[in-house]
Amino acid sequence: MSLSQRDRSTSGRSTPHHDPTMPSEVTGRLSIFDRFATHASEFVSRPWFFVVCVLLVLLWAPSYFLLRTLDTWQLIINTVTTIVTFLLVALLQNTQKRADDAVQHKLNAIADGLADLMDHMADRDERRELRNEMLELRDAVGLEDRESAD
């Protein structure tokens, strides 16, 4: 039995952990930047956006005959692609982080529900193995024991 499990079994209270945010506690309010990043992500993830990018490259390629200098011709495509890539990475990283956070909140809710079920079933388990496993689950995912209002 680990030290934190011994503390829980003797005191009935948990050691301090971070309080997991449950999906029902997550607000649906997004900042202006978050809303913009979401729309940008939806916009650039469509097949026609890729087609437009390919068309731009196809239009750029013959522009060499208009510019007549290789350096200027390469500078144009390098500059445009670097700027677009830089901005899209920032926007897409924002949407990816929010998606990862949402998944983590859902996993916390599942782990909390499973731990509650294991706790309930452990009351019927004479060997107390299930209670030890439940405590290990709570330790592994950083869930705190809730004090019963009973």
N, C-alpha and C. Protein backbone atom coordinates (compact mmCIF):
# COMPACT_ATOMS: atom_id res chain seq x y z
N MET A 1 0.86 -1.18 0.00
CA MET A 1 0.00 0.00 0.00
C MET A 1 0.90 1.23 0.00
N SER A 2 0.61 2.18 -0.89
CA SER A 2 1.43 3.38 -0.96
C SER A 2 1.10 4.31 0.20
N LEU A 3 1.95 5.30 0.39
CA LEU A 3 1.77 6.25 1.48
C LEU A 3 0.45 6.99 1.34
N SER A 4 0.12 7.43 0.12
CA SER A 4 -1.14 8.17 -0.06
C SER A 4 -2.34 7.28 0.20
N GLN A 5 -2.25 5.98 -0.16
CA GLN A 5 -3.35 5.07 0.12
C GLN A 5 -3.49 4.86 1.62
N ARG A 6 -2.37 4.74 2.33
CA ARG A 6 -2.43 4.57 3.77
C ARG A 6 -3.05 5.81 4.42
N ASP A 7 -2.67 7.00 3.92
CA ASP A 7 -3.25 8.23 4.45
C ASP A 7 -4.76 8.25 4.25
N ARG A 8 -5.21 7.82 3.08
CA ARG A 8 -6.64 7.82 2.79
C ARG A 8 -7.37 6.81 3.67
N SER A 9 -6.78 5.64 3.83
CA SER A 9 -7.48 4.61 4.59
C SER A 9 -7.53 4.94 6.07
N THR A 10 -6.57 5.69 6.57
CA THR A 10 -6.59 6.01 7.99
C THR A 10 -7.38 7.27 8.29
N SER A 11 -7.34 8.23 7.39
CA SER A 11 -8.02 9.49 7.69
C SER A 11 -9.37 9.62 7.03
N GLY A 12 -9.61 8.83 5.96
CA GLY A 12 -10.88 8.96 5.26
C GLY A 12 -10.89 10.15 4.32
N ARG A 13 -9.81 10.88 4.26
CA ARG A 13 -9.73 12.05 3.39
C ARG A 13 -8.57 11.85 2.44
N SER A 14 -8.61 12.55 1.35
CA SER A 14 -7.57 12.38 0.35
C SER A 14 -6.44 13.37 0.58
N THR A 15 -5.32 13.03 -0.03
CA THR A 15 -4.22 13.98 -0.04
C THR A 15 -4.57 15.05 -1.06
N PRO A 16 -4.01 16.25 -0.94
CA PRO A 16 -4.39 17.32 -1.87
C PRO A 16 -3.97 16.98 -3.30
N HIS A 17 -4.92 17.05 -4.21
CA HIS A 17 -4.70 16.90 -5.64
C HIS A 17 -5.38 18.06 -6.34
N HIS A 18 -5.09 18.23 -7.62
CA HIS A 18 -5.82 19.24 -8.37
C HIS A 18 -7.24 18.75 -8.58
N ASP A 19 -8.17 19.67 -8.60
CA ASP A 19 -9.57 19.32 -8.78
C ASP A 19 -9.85 19.20 -10.26
N PRO A 20 -10.22 18.00 -10.75
CA PRO A 20 -10.46 17.86 -12.18
C PRO A 20 -11.70 18.63 -12.59
N THR A 21 -11.64 19.23 -13.76
CA THR A 21 -12.78 19.94 -14.30
C THR A 21 -13.66 18.93 -15.02
N MET A 22 -14.91 18.91 -14.67
CA MET A 22 -15.84 17.98 -15.29
C MET A 22 -16.44 18.65 -16.53
N PRO A 23 -16.87 17.85 -17.53
CA PRO A 23 -17.42 18.43 -18.76
C PRO A 23 -18.58 19.38 -18.50
N SER A 24 -19.39 19.11 -17.49
CA SER A 24 -20.52 19.98 -17.21
C SER A 24 -20.08 21.33 -16.65
N GLU A 25 -18.83 21.41 -16.19
CA GLU A 25 -18.32 22.66 -15.63
C GLU A 25 -17.60 23.52 -16.67
N VAL A 26 -17.41 23.01 -17.87
CA VAL A 26 -16.71 23.74 -18.91
C VAL A 26 -17.71 24.65 -19.60
N THR A 27 -17.38 25.92 -19.66
CA THR A 27 -18.29 26.86 -20.30
C THR A 27 -18.12 26.82 -21.81
N GLY A 28 -19.16 27.15 -22.51
CA GLY A 28 -19.12 27.18 -23.96
C GLY A 28 -18.68 28.51 -24.52
N ARG A 29 -18.31 29.42 -23.67
CA ARG A 29 -17.91 30.76 -24.11
C ARG A 29 -16.51 30.74 -24.68
N LEU A 30 -16.39 31.27 -25.87
CA LEU A 30 -15.08 31.36 -26.52
C LEU A 30 -14.75 32.82 -26.75
N SER A 31 -13.47 33.14 -26.66
CA SER A 31 -13.03 34.50 -26.93
C SER A 31 -13.13 34.76 -28.43
N ILE A 32 -12.97 36.00 -28.81
CA ILE A 32 -13.02 36.36 -30.23
C ILE A 32 -11.92 35.62 -30.98
N PHE A 33 -10.74 35.54 -30.40
CA PHE A 33 -9.64 34.83 -31.06
C PHE A 33 -9.96 33.35 -31.20
N ASP A 34 -10.53 32.73 -30.16
CA ASP A 34 -10.89 31.32 -30.23
C ASP A 34 -11.93 31.06 -31.33
N ARG A 35 -12.93 31.95 -31.41
CA ARG A 35 -13.94 31.79 -32.46
C ARG A 35 -13.32 31.95 -33.84
N PHE A 36 -12.42 32.94 -33.98
CA PHE A 36 -11.74 33.14 -35.26
C PHE A 36 -10.88 31.93 -35.61
N ALA A 37 -10.16 31.39 -34.64
CA ALA A 37 -9.31 30.22 -34.88
C ALA A 37 -10.16 29.02 -35.28
N THR A 38 -11.32 28.86 -34.66
CA THR A 38 -12.21 27.76 -35.01
C THR A 38 -12.70 27.89 -36.45
N HIS A 39 -13.12 29.09 -36.83
CA HIS A 39 -13.59 29.30 -38.20
C HIS A 39 -12.45 29.12 -39.20
N ALA A 40 -11.27 29.60 -38.86
CA ALA A 40 -10.12 29.43 -39.75
C ALA A 40 -9.78 27.96 -39.92
N SER A 41 -9.83 27.21 -38.83
CA SER A 41 -9.55 25.78 -38.89
C SER A 41 -10.56 25.06 -39.79
N GLU A 42 -11.82 25.41 -39.65
CA GLU A 42 -12.84 24.81 -40.50
C GLU A 42 -12.64 25.21 -41.96
N PHE A 43 -12.25 26.44 -42.19
CA PHE A 43 -12.04 26.97 -43.54
C PHE A 43 -10.89 26.25 -44.25
N VAL A 44 -9.75 26.12 -43.57
CA VAL A 44 -8.57 25.55 -44.22
C VAL A 44 -8.58 24.02 -44.26
N SER A 45 -9.52 23.39 -43.54
CA SER A 45 -9.56 21.93 -43.55
C SER A 45 -10.47 21.37 -44.64
N ARG A 46 -10.99 22.22 -45.46
CA ARG A 46 -11.87 21.78 -46.56
C ARG A 46 -11.04 21.42 -47.79
N PRO A 47 -11.52 20.46 -48.57
CA PRO A 47 -10.77 20.05 -49.77
C PRO A 47 -10.58 21.19 -50.77
N TRP A 48 -11.57 22.06 -50.91
CA TRP A 48 -11.44 23.12 -51.89
C TRP A 48 -10.34 24.11 -51.51
N PHE A 49 -10.03 24.25 -50.21
CA PHE A 49 -8.93 25.13 -49.82
C PHE A 49 -7.61 24.58 -50.36
N PHE A 50 -7.45 23.27 -50.28
CA PHE A 50 -6.25 22.65 -50.84
C PHE A 50 -6.18 22.87 -52.35
N VAL A 51 -7.32 22.76 -53.02
CA VAL A 51 -7.35 22.99 -54.46
C VAL A 51 -6.95 24.42 -54.78
N VAL A 52 -7.42 25.38 -54.00
CA VAL A 52 -7.04 26.78 -54.21
C VAL A 52 -5.53 26.96 -54.03
N CYS A 53 -4.96 26.29 -53.05
CA CYS A 53 -3.50 26.38 -52.83
C CYS A 53 -2.73 25.81 -54.03
N VAL A 54 -3.20 24.70 -54.53
CA VAL A 54 -2.55 24.10 -55.71
C VAL A 54 -2.67 25.04 -56.90
N LEU A 55 -3.84 25.64 -57.08
CA LEU A 55 -4.02 26.59 -58.19
C LEU A 55 -3.09 27.79 -58.06
N LEU A 56 -2.90 28.28 -56.84
CA LEU A 56 -1.98 29.41 -56.64
C LEU A 56 -0.55 29.04 -57.04
N VAL A 57 -0.14 27.83 -56.69
CA VAL A 57 1.20 27.38 -57.08
C VAL A 57 1.27 27.25 -58.60
N LEU A 58 0.22 26.73 -59.21
CA LEU A 58 0.20 26.60 -60.67
C LEU A 58 0.20 27.96 -61.37
N LEU A 59 -0.41 28.94 -60.76
CA LEU A 59 -0.37 30.30 -61.31
C LEU A 59 0.99 30.95 -61.06
N TRP A 60 1.61 30.65 -59.94
CA TRP A 60 2.90 31.23 -59.62
C TRP A 60 4.00 30.68 -60.55
N ALA A 61 3.96 29.42 -60.84
CA ALA A 61 5.03 28.78 -61.63
C ALA A 61 5.33 29.51 -62.94
N PRO A 62 4.34 29.81 -63.77
CA PRO A 62 4.68 30.50 -65.03
C PRO A 62 4.98 31.99 -64.85
N SER A 63 4.79 32.51 -63.63
CA SER A 63 5.08 33.94 -63.43
C SER A 63 6.57 34.24 -63.57
N TYR A 64 7.39 33.22 -63.63
CA TYR A 64 8.84 33.42 -63.86
C TYR A 64 9.08 34.17 -65.16
N PHE A 65 8.27 33.90 -66.16
CA PHE A 65 8.45 34.55 -67.45
C PHE A 65 8.10 36.03 -67.40
N LEU A 66 7.27 36.43 -66.44
CA LEU A 66 6.94 37.85 -66.26
C LEU A 66 8.01 38.56 -65.44
N LEU A 67 8.53 37.89 -64.43
CA LEU A 67 9.49 38.52 -63.51
C LEU A 67 10.91 38.50 -64.06
N ARG A 68 11.28 37.50 -64.78
CA ARG A 68 12.57 37.35 -65.46
C ARG A 68 13.77 37.19 -64.53
N THR A 69 13.56 37.20 -63.20
CA THR A 69 14.68 36.95 -62.29
C THR A 69 14.30 35.82 -61.35
N LEU A 70 15.18 34.87 -61.24
CA LEU A 70 14.92 33.69 -60.42
C LEU A 70 14.79 34.05 -58.95
N ASP A 71 15.62 34.98 -58.46
CA ASP A 71 15.58 35.36 -57.05
C ASP A 71 14.23 35.95 -56.66
N THR A 72 13.72 36.87 -57.45
CA THR A 72 12.42 37.49 -57.16
C THR A 72 11.31 36.46 -57.24
N TRP A 73 11.38 35.61 -58.23
CA TRP A 73 10.37 34.57 -58.43
C TRP A 73 10.31 33.64 -57.22
N GLN A 74 11.47 33.21 -56.72
CA GLN A 74 11.52 32.33 -55.54
C GLN A 74 11.13 33.08 -54.27
N LEU A 75 11.55 34.33 -54.17
CA LEU A 75 11.24 35.12 -52.99
C LEU A 75 9.73 35.27 -52.79
N ILE A 76 9.01 35.43 -53.87
CA ILE A 76 7.55 35.60 -53.78
C ILE A 76 6.91 34.36 -53.16
N ILE A 77 7.20 33.19 -53.69
CA ILE A 77 6.55 31.98 -53.16
C ILE A 77 7.04 31.66 -51.76
N ASN A 78 8.32 31.86 -51.49
CA ASN A 78 8.85 31.59 -50.15
C ASN A 78 8.23 32.50 -49.10
N THR A 79 8.10 33.78 -49.42
CA THR A 79 7.52 34.74 -48.47
C THR A 79 6.06 34.43 -48.21
N VAL A 80 5.30 34.21 -49.26
CA VAL A 80 3.87 33.94 -49.11
C VAL A 80 3.64 32.66 -48.31
N THR A 81 4.34 31.61 -48.66
CA THR A 81 4.11 30.34 -47.95
C THR A 81 4.59 30.41 -46.50
N THR A 82 5.66 31.12 -46.24
CA THR A 82 6.15 31.25 -44.86
C THR A 82 5.14 32.01 -44.00
N ILE A 83 4.61 33.10 -44.51
CA ILE A 83 3.65 33.90 -43.74
C ILE A 83 2.37 33.11 -43.49
N VAL A 84 1.84 32.47 -44.52
CA VAL A 84 0.61 31.70 -44.37
C VAL A 84 0.83 30.53 -43.40
N THR A 85 1.94 29.84 -43.53
CA THR A 85 2.24 28.72 -42.63
C THR A 85 2.35 29.19 -41.19
N PHE A 86 3.06 30.27 -40.96
CA PHE A 86 3.25 30.82 -39.62
C PHE A 86 1.91 31.15 -38.97
N LEU A 87 1.03 31.82 -39.71
CA LEU A 87 -0.27 32.20 -39.16
C LEU A 87 -1.17 30.98 -38.93
N LEU A 88 -1.17 30.06 -39.88
CA LEU A 88 -2.03 28.88 -39.73
C LEU A 88 -1.58 27.99 -38.58
N VAL A 89 -0.28 27.87 -38.37
CA VAL A 89 0.20 27.06 -37.24
C VAL A 89 -0.31 27.63 -35.93
N ALA A 90 -0.25 28.95 -35.78
CA ALA A 90 -0.74 29.57 -34.54
C ALA A 90 -2.24 29.33 -34.36
N LEU A 91 -3.01 29.48 -35.41
CA LEU A 91 -4.46 29.28 -35.31
C LEU A 91 -4.81 27.81 -35.05
N LEU A 92 -4.17 26.92 -35.78
CA LEU A 92 -4.49 25.51 -35.63
C LEU A 92 -4.02 24.96 -34.28
N GLN A 93 -2.94 25.50 -33.75
CA GLN A 93 -2.48 25.08 -32.42
C GLN A 93 -3.51 25.45 -31.37
N ASN A 94 -4.13 26.61 -31.52
CA ASN A 94 -5.18 27.03 -30.59
C ASN A 94 -6.34 26.05 -30.60
N THR A 95 -6.82 25.70 -31.78
CA THR A 95 -7.96 24.77 -31.84
C THR A 95 -7.56 23.38 -31.36
N GLN A 96 -6.34 22.95 -31.63
CA GLN A 96 -5.89 21.63 -31.18
C GLN A 96 -5.80 21.56 -29.66
N LYS A 97 -5.30 22.63 -29.05
CA LYS A 97 -5.20 22.65 -27.58
C LYS A 97 -6.58 22.59 -26.94
N ARG A 98 -7.52 23.33 -27.50
CA ARG A 98 -8.88 23.30 -26.94
C ARG A 98 -9.50 21.91 -27.12
N ALA A 99 -9.24 21.27 -28.24
CA ALA A 99 -9.76 19.91 -28.46
C ALA A 99 -9.12 18.94 -27.48
N ASP A 100 -7.82 19.06 -27.26
CA ASP A 100 -7.13 18.19 -26.29
C ASP A 100 -7.68 18.41 -24.88
N ASP A 101 -7.93 19.66 -24.51
CA ASP A 101 -8.49 19.95 -23.19
C ASP A 101 -9.88 19.34 -23.03
N ALA A 102 -10.69 19.42 -24.08
CA ALA A 102 -12.04 18.84 -24.02
C ALA A 102 -11.97 17.33 -23.83
N VAL A 103 -11.07 16.68 -24.55
CA VAL A 103 -10.91 15.22 -24.40
C VAL A 103 -10.45 14.89 -22.98
N GLN A 104 -9.52 15.67 -22.44
CA GLN A 104 -9.04 15.42 -21.09
C GLN A 104 -10.16 15.58 -20.07
N HIS A 105 -11.02 16.58 -20.24
CA HIS A 105 -12.16 16.76 -19.33
C HIS A 105 -13.09 15.56 -19.38
N LYS A 106 -13.32 15.04 -20.58
CA LYS A 106 -14.19 13.87 -20.72
C LYS A 106 -13.56 12.64 -20.08
N LEU A 107 -12.27 12.47 -20.27
CA LEU A 107 -11.59 11.33 -19.64
C LEU A 107 -11.61 11.44 -18.12
N ASN A 108 -11.47 12.64 -17.60
CA ASN A 108 -11.57 12.84 -16.15
C ASN A 108 -12.94 12.43 -15.64
N ALA A 109 -13.99 12.79 -16.39
CA ALA A 109 -15.35 12.43 -15.98
C ALA A 109 -15.54 10.91 -16.00
N ILE A 110 -15.00 10.25 -17.02
CA ILE A 110 -15.11 8.79 -17.10
C ILE A 110 -14.35 8.15 -15.94
N ALA A 111 -13.14 8.60 -15.68
CA ALA A 111 -12.35 8.04 -14.58
C ALA A 111 -13.03 8.28 -13.24
N ASP A 112 -13.63 9.44 -13.07
CA ASP A 112 -14.32 9.74 -11.82
C ASP A 112 -15.54 8.84 -11.65
N GLY A 113 -16.30 8.65 -12.72
CA GLY A 113 -17.45 7.76 -12.65
C GLY A 113 -17.04 6.31 -12.38
N LEU A 114 -15.97 5.87 -13.02
CA LEU A 114 -15.47 4.51 -12.80
C LEU A 114 -14.99 4.34 -11.36
N ALA A 115 -14.30 5.33 -10.86
CA ALA A 115 -13.83 5.26 -9.47
C ALA A 115 -15.01 5.21 -8.50
N ASP A 116 -16.07 5.99 -8.78
CA ASP A 116 -17.26 5.94 -7.93
C ASP A 116 -17.92 4.57 -7.98
N LEU A 117 -18.01 3.99 -9.18
CA LEU A 117 -18.59 2.66 -9.31
C LEU A 117 -17.74 1.63 -8.57
N MET A 118 -16.42 1.72 -8.70
CA MET A 118 -15.54 0.79 -8.01
C MET A 118 -15.68 0.95 -6.49
N ASP A 119 -15.83 2.17 -6.03
CA ASP A 119 -16.01 2.43 -4.60
C ASP A 119 -17.31 1.80 -4.11
N HIS A 120 -18.35 1.98 -4.90
CA HIS A 120 -19.65 1.39 -4.53
C HIS A 120 -19.56 -0.14 -4.49
N MET A 121 -18.92 -0.73 -5.48
CA MET A 121 -18.79 -2.18 -5.55
C MET A 121 -17.82 -2.70 -4.48
N ALA A 122 -16.87 -1.88 -4.08
CA ALA A 122 -15.89 -2.30 -3.07
C ALA A 122 -16.55 -2.52 -1.71
N ASP A 123 -17.66 -1.83 -1.46
CA ASP A 123 -18.38 -2.03 -0.20
C ASP A 123 -18.88 -3.48 -0.09
N ARG A 124 -19.10 -4.13 -1.21
CA ARG A 124 -19.59 -5.51 -1.23
C ARG A 124 -18.45 -6.53 -1.30
N ASP A 125 -17.25 -6.07 -1.62
CA ASP A 125 -16.10 -6.95 -1.81
C ASP A 125 -15.45 -7.21 -0.45
N GLU A 126 -15.46 -8.45 -0.03
CA GLU A 126 -14.92 -8.79 1.29
C GLU A 126 -13.40 -8.67 1.34
N ARG A 127 -12.74 -8.88 0.24
CA ARG A 127 -11.27 -8.87 0.23
C ARG A 127 -10.68 -7.46 0.12
N ARG A 128 -11.46 -6.50 -0.23
CA ARG A 128 -11.04 -5.10 -0.35
C ARG A 128 -10.03 -4.88 -1.49
N GLU A 129 -9.91 -5.84 -2.40
CA GLU A 129 -9.00 -5.65 -3.54
C GLU A 129 -9.51 -4.55 -4.46
N LEU A 130 -10.82 -4.51 -4.66
CA LEU A 130 -11.41 -3.51 -5.55
C LEU A 130 -11.19 -2.10 -4.99
N ARG A 131 -11.27 -1.95 -3.67
CA ARG A 131 -11.04 -0.64 -3.08
C ARG A 131 -9.59 -0.20 -3.32
N ASN A 132 -8.64 -1.11 -3.19
CA ASN A 132 -7.24 -0.77 -3.46
C ASN A 132 -7.04 -0.38 -4.92
N GLU A 133 -7.69 -1.11 -5.83
CA GLU A 133 -7.60 -0.77 -7.25
C GLU A 133 -8.22 0.59 -7.52
N MET A 134 -9.33 0.89 -6.87
CA MET A 134 -9.98 2.19 -7.03
C MET A 134 -9.06 3.31 -6.54
N LEU A 135 -8.39 3.09 -5.42
CA LEU A 135 -7.46 4.10 -4.92
C LEU A 135 -6.29 4.29 -5.88
N GLU A 136 -5.82 3.20 -6.49
CA GLU A 136 -4.76 3.31 -7.48
C GLU A 136 -5.22 4.10 -8.70
N LEU A 137 -6.47 3.87 -9.15
CA LEU A 137 -7.02 4.64 -10.26
C LEU A 137 -7.08 6.11 -9.92
N ARG A 138 -7.60 6.42 -8.75
CA ARG A 138 -7.69 7.83 -8.34
C ARG A 138 -6.31 8.48 -8.26
N ASP A 139 -5.32 7.75 -7.74
CA ASP A 139 -3.96 8.28 -7.70
C ASP A 139 -3.40 8.50 -9.10
N ALA A 140 -3.66 7.53 -9.99
CA ALA A 140 -3.10 7.59 -11.34
C ALA A 140 -3.62 8.78 -12.13
N VAL A 141 -4.89 9.13 -11.94
CA VAL A 141 -5.47 10.23 -12.72
C VAL A 141 -5.63 11.51 -11.91
N GLY A 142 -5.22 11.49 -10.66
CA GLY A 142 -5.23 12.71 -9.84
C GLY A 142 -6.61 13.11 -9.36
N LEU A 143 -7.48 12.15 -9.11
CA LEU A 143 -8.81 12.46 -8.61
C LEU A 143 -8.80 12.46 -7.08
N GLU A 144 -9.57 13.38 -6.51
CA GLU A 144 -9.68 13.43 -5.06
C GLU A 144 -10.88 12.62 -4.61
N ASP A 145 -10.80 12.10 -3.40
CA ASP A 145 -11.97 11.46 -2.81
C ASP A 145 -12.95 12.56 -2.42
N ARG A 146 -14.23 12.28 -2.67
CA ARG A 146 -15.26 13.23 -2.24
C ARG A 146 -15.84 12.73 -0.93
N GLU A 147 -16.08 13.66 -0.03
CA GLU A 147 -16.70 13.26 1.23
C GLU A 147 -18.19 13.10 1.00
N SER A 148 -18.74 12.06 1.55
CA SER A 148 -20.15 11.76 1.36
C SER A 148 -21.00 12.69 2.22
N ALA A 149 -22.17 13.03 1.70
CA ALA A 149 -23.10 13.86 2.46
C ALA A 149 -24.02 13.01 3.30
N ASP A 150 -23.83 11.67 3.25
CA ASP A 150 -24.69 10.74 3.99
C ASP A 150 -24.44 10.83 5.48
